């Protein structure tokens, strides 16, 4: 059903490089709503890590991404093709 929906992307979305690896951070919600923000990270090979957690603030979603980078490193997003994180 959501495949037919338009999404609003946060300005915090974009590419992130570290240690010679690049991922795309996607922070988004249904367009035209005040819905919670969602977080996904896609690696260069197309592997996707998706959080089930919804965020009231887009900065909170980005902070979760940064905390994952600091704790597990960017290679976390390359270890396996993940469908979901939390």
N, C-alpha and C. Protein backbone atom coordinates (compact mmCIF):
# COMPACT_ATOMS: atom_id res chain seq x y z
N UNK A 1 0.81 -1.19 0.00
CA UNK A 1 0.00 0.00 0.00
C UNK A 1 0.86 1.26 0.00
N UNK A 2 1.95 1.29 0.80
CA UNK A 2 2.80 2.45 0.85
C UNK A 2 3.62 2.62 -0.42
N UNK A 3 3.68 1.60 -1.25
CA UNK A 3 4.41 1.71 -2.51
C UNK A 3 3.82 2.78 -3.40
N UNK A 4 2.54 3.10 -3.21
CA UNK A 4 1.86 4.10 -4.02
C UNK A 4 1.92 5.49 -3.40
N UNK A 5 2.57 5.62 -2.26
CA UNK A 5 2.60 6.88 -1.52
C UNK A 5 3.81 7.73 -1.90
N UNK A 6 3.66 9.02 -1.74
CA UNK A 6 4.78 9.94 -1.89
C UNK A 6 5.40 10.17 -0.53
N UNK A 7 6.72 10.32 -0.52
CA UNK A 7 7.43 10.53 0.72
C UNK A 7 8.16 11.86 0.71
N UNK A 8 8.21 12.47 1.88
CA UNK A 8 8.98 13.68 2.13
C UNK A 8 10.30 13.25 2.74
N UNK A 9 11.42 13.68 2.17
CA UNK A 9 12.73 13.33 2.70
C UNK A 9 13.30 14.49 3.50
N UNK A 10 13.89 14.15 4.63
CA UNK A 10 14.53 15.13 5.48
C UNK A 10 15.76 15.71 4.79
N UNK A 11 16.10 16.94 5.11
CA UNK A 11 17.33 17.55 4.62
C UNK A 11 18.55 16.85 5.19
N UNK A 12 18.37 16.05 6.23
CA UNK A 12 19.48 15.29 6.82
C UNK A 12 19.78 14.03 6.01
N UNK A 13 18.92 13.69 5.09
CA UNK A 13 19.16 12.54 4.21
C UNK A 13 20.31 12.87 3.27
N UNK A 14 21.03 11.83 2.87
CA UNK A 14 22.11 12.04 1.92
C UNK A 14 23.19 11.00 2.08
N UNK A 15 24.29 11.24 1.38
CA UNK A 15 25.40 10.29 1.41
C UNK A 15 26.33 10.58 2.56
N UNK A 16 26.90 9.49 3.10
CA UNK A 16 27.82 9.57 4.23
C UNK A 16 29.02 8.69 3.90
N UNK A 17 30.23 9.25 3.98
CA UNK A 17 31.46 8.52 3.67
C UNK A 17 32.30 8.36 4.93
N UNK A 18 32.88 7.17 5.08
CA UNK A 18 33.86 6.95 6.14
C UNK A 18 34.67 5.71 5.80
N UNK A 19 35.96 5.77 6.06
CA UNK A 19 36.86 4.63 5.87
C UNK A 19 36.76 4.05 4.46
N UNK A 20 36.57 4.90 3.46
CA UNK A 20 36.52 4.44 2.08
C UNK A 20 35.21 3.78 1.68
N UNK A 21 34.22 3.83 2.54
CA UNK A 21 32.91 3.26 2.25
C UNK A 21 31.87 4.37 2.24
N UNK A 22 30.83 4.18 1.45
CA UNK A 22 29.77 5.18 1.34
C UNK A 22 28.41 4.51 1.52
N UNK A 23 27.55 5.18 2.27
CA UNK A 23 26.16 4.73 2.42
C UNK A 23 25.25 5.93 2.16
N UNK A 24 24.01 5.62 1.87
CA UNK A 24 23.00 6.67 1.72
C UNK A 24 22.04 6.57 2.90
N UNK A 25 21.92 7.67 3.63
CA UNK A 25 21.01 7.76 4.77
C UNK A 25 19.69 8.31 4.25
N UNK A 26 18.61 7.59 4.52
CA UNK A 26 17.29 8.03 4.10
C UNK A 26 16.41 8.22 5.33
N UNK A 27 16.05 9.46 5.57
CA UNK A 27 15.14 9.81 6.66
C UNK A 27 13.91 10.40 5.99
N UNK A 28 12.76 9.78 6.19
CA UNK A 28 11.59 10.16 5.41
C UNK A 28 10.29 9.90 6.18
N UNK A 29 9.22 10.47 5.68
CA UNK A 29 7.86 10.23 6.20
C UNK A 29 6.88 10.45 5.06
N UNK A 30 5.64 10.05 5.29
CA UNK A 30 4.62 10.26 4.27
C UNK A 30 4.47 11.75 3.99
N UNK A 31 4.46 12.09 2.74
CA UNK A 31 4.39 13.48 2.31
C UNK A 31 3.07 14.12 2.75
N UNK A 32 3.18 15.38 3.18
CA UNK A 32 1.99 16.13 3.56
C UNK A 32 1.40 15.77 4.89
N UNK A 33 2.16 15.04 5.72
CA UNK A 33 1.66 14.62 7.03
C UNK A 33 2.63 15.07 8.12
N UNK A 34 2.20 14.89 9.33
CA UNK A 34 3.07 15.08 10.49
C UNK A 34 3.43 13.73 11.10
N UNK A 35 3.42 12.69 10.26
CA UNK A 35 3.77 11.34 10.72
C UNK A 35 5.19 11.33 11.26
N UNK A 36 5.51 10.26 11.96
CA UNK A 36 6.85 10.05 12.48
C UNK A 36 7.82 9.80 11.33
N UNK A 37 9.09 10.09 11.59
CA UNK A 37 10.14 9.89 10.60
C UNK A 37 10.63 8.45 10.64
N UNK A 38 11.06 7.94 9.50
CA UNK A 38 11.61 6.59 9.36
C UNK A 38 13.08 6.72 8.96
N UNK A 39 13.84 5.67 9.26
CA UNK A 39 15.27 5.68 8.97
C UNK A 39 15.66 4.42 8.23
N UNK A 40 16.37 4.60 7.12
CA UNK A 40 16.95 3.48 6.37
C UNK A 40 18.35 3.90 5.93
N UNK A 41 19.23 2.92 5.84
CA UNK A 41 20.58 3.15 5.32
C UNK A 41 20.82 2.12 4.22
N UNK A 42 21.26 2.60 3.06
CA UNK A 42 21.50 1.73 1.91
C UNK A 42 22.99 1.79 1.57
N UNK A 43 23.62 0.61 1.47
CA UNK A 43 25.04 0.60 1.11
C UNK A 43 25.20 0.61 -0.41
N UNK A 44 26.44 0.70 -0.87
CA UNK A 44 26.71 0.81 -2.31
C UNK A 44 26.32 -0.43 -3.09
N UNK A 45 26.17 -1.55 -2.40
CA UNK A 45 25.78 -2.81 -3.05
C UNK A 45 24.26 -3.01 -3.06
N UNK A 46 23.52 -2.05 -2.51
CA UNK A 46 22.07 -2.15 -2.49
C UNK A 46 21.51 -2.78 -1.23
N UNK A 47 22.39 -3.18 -0.30
CA UNK A 47 21.91 -3.73 0.97
C UNK A 47 21.26 -2.64 1.80
N UNK A 48 20.16 -2.97 2.42
CA UNK A 48 19.37 -1.98 3.15
C UNK A 48 19.22 -2.38 4.61
N UNK A 49 19.45 -1.42 5.48
CA UNK A 49 19.18 -1.59 6.91
C UNK A 49 18.04 -0.64 7.25
N UNK A 50 16.95 -1.19 7.76
CA UNK A 50 15.75 -0.41 8.06
C UNK A 50 15.44 -0.53 9.55
N UNK A 51 15.21 0.58 10.20
CA UNK A 51 14.80 0.58 11.59
C UNK A 51 13.28 0.54 11.66
N UNK A 52 12.74 -0.28 12.55
CA UNK A 52 11.30 -0.30 12.79
C UNK A 52 10.88 0.86 13.68
N UNK A 53 11.80 1.39 14.44
CA UNK A 53 11.52 2.52 15.31
C UNK A 53 11.10 3.71 14.47
N UNK A 54 10.12 4.45 14.93
CA UNK A 54 9.69 5.69 14.28
C UNK A 54 10.14 6.85 15.16
N UNK A 55 10.53 7.94 14.54
CA UNK A 55 11.12 9.07 15.26
C UNK A 55 10.24 10.30 15.12
N UNK A 56 9.99 10.97 16.23
CA UNK A 56 9.18 12.19 16.21
C UNK A 56 9.95 13.35 15.59
N UNK A 57 11.27 13.26 15.62
CA UNK A 57 12.12 14.34 15.15
C UNK A 57 13.15 13.75 14.18
N UNK A 58 13.36 14.41 13.06
CA UNK A 58 14.31 13.90 12.07
C UNK A 58 15.74 13.91 12.60
N UNK A 59 16.06 14.84 13.50
CA UNK A 59 17.39 14.88 14.10
C UNK A 59 17.63 13.66 14.99
N UNK A 60 16.59 13.20 15.65
CA UNK A 60 16.69 11.99 16.47
C UNK A 60 17.01 10.78 15.60
N UNK A 61 16.41 10.69 14.44
CA UNK A 61 16.70 9.59 13.51
C UNK A 61 18.15 9.65 13.06
N UNK A 62 18.63 10.85 12.71
CA UNK A 62 20.01 10.99 12.27
C UNK A 62 20.98 10.67 13.40
N UNK A 63 20.63 11.05 14.61
CA UNK A 63 21.48 10.75 15.77
C UNK A 63 21.59 9.23 15.96
N UNK A 64 20.52 8.50 15.74
CA UNK A 64 20.55 7.04 15.82
C UNK A 64 21.53 6.48 14.80
N UNK A 65 21.50 7.02 13.58
CA UNK A 65 22.45 6.61 12.56
C UNK A 65 23.89 6.86 13.02
N UNK A 66 24.16 8.08 13.50
CA UNK A 66 25.52 8.42 13.94
C UNK A 66 25.98 7.53 15.09
N UNK A 67 25.10 7.23 16.02
CA UNK A 67 25.45 6.35 17.14
C UNK A 67 25.80 4.95 16.64
N UNK A 68 25.11 4.47 15.63
CA UNK A 68 25.42 3.16 15.04
C UNK A 68 26.80 3.19 14.39
N UNK A 69 27.11 4.27 13.68
CA UNK A 69 28.42 4.43 13.06
C UNK A 69 29.52 4.42 14.12
N UNK A 70 29.32 5.17 15.20
CA UNK A 70 30.33 5.25 16.25
C UNK A 70 30.50 3.92 16.98
N UNK A 71 29.41 3.22 17.21
CA UNK A 71 29.46 1.96 17.96
C UNK A 71 29.96 0.79 17.09
N UNK A 72 29.42 0.66 15.88
CA UNK A 72 29.66 -0.52 15.06
C UNK A 72 30.51 -0.26 13.81
N UNK A 73 30.73 1.01 13.48
CA UNK A 73 31.48 1.35 12.27
C UNK A 73 30.59 1.29 11.04
N UNK A 74 31.05 1.95 9.99
CA UNK A 74 30.27 1.98 8.75
C UNK A 74 30.18 0.59 8.12
N UNK A 75 31.16 -0.26 8.41
CA UNK A 75 31.13 -1.62 7.84
C UNK A 75 29.93 -2.43 8.32
N UNK A 76 29.31 -1.99 9.41
CA UNK A 76 28.09 -2.64 9.89
C UNK A 76 27.06 -2.75 8.78
N UNK A 77 26.98 -1.73 7.96
CA UNK A 77 25.96 -1.68 6.91
C UNK A 77 26.34 -2.51 5.69
N UNK A 78 27.54 -3.10 5.71
CA UNK A 78 28.00 -3.95 4.62
C UNK A 78 28.09 -5.43 5.00
N UNK A 79 27.95 -5.74 6.25
CA UNK A 79 28.18 -7.11 6.72
C UNK A 79 27.21 -8.12 6.14
N UNK A 80 25.99 -7.73 5.98
CA UNK A 80 24.99 -8.61 5.37
C UNK A 80 23.86 -7.74 4.83
N UNK A 81 23.08 -8.32 3.97
CA UNK A 81 21.93 -7.61 3.45
C UNK A 81 20.83 -7.69 4.50
N UNK A 82 20.58 -6.60 5.17
CA UNK A 82 19.63 -6.56 6.28
C UNK A 82 18.29 -6.01 5.81
N UNK A 83 17.26 -6.62 6.27
CA UNK A 83 15.92 -6.11 5.97
C UNK A 83 15.45 -5.15 7.05
N UNK A 84 15.91 -5.36 8.26
CA UNK A 84 15.48 -4.48 9.34
C UNK A 84 16.52 -4.47 10.45
N UNK A 85 16.47 -3.46 11.23
CA UNK A 85 17.42 -3.28 12.32
C UNK A 85 16.73 -3.43 13.66
N UNK A 86 15.69 -2.67 13.91
CA UNK A 86 15.00 -2.70 15.21
C UNK A 86 13.53 -2.92 14.98
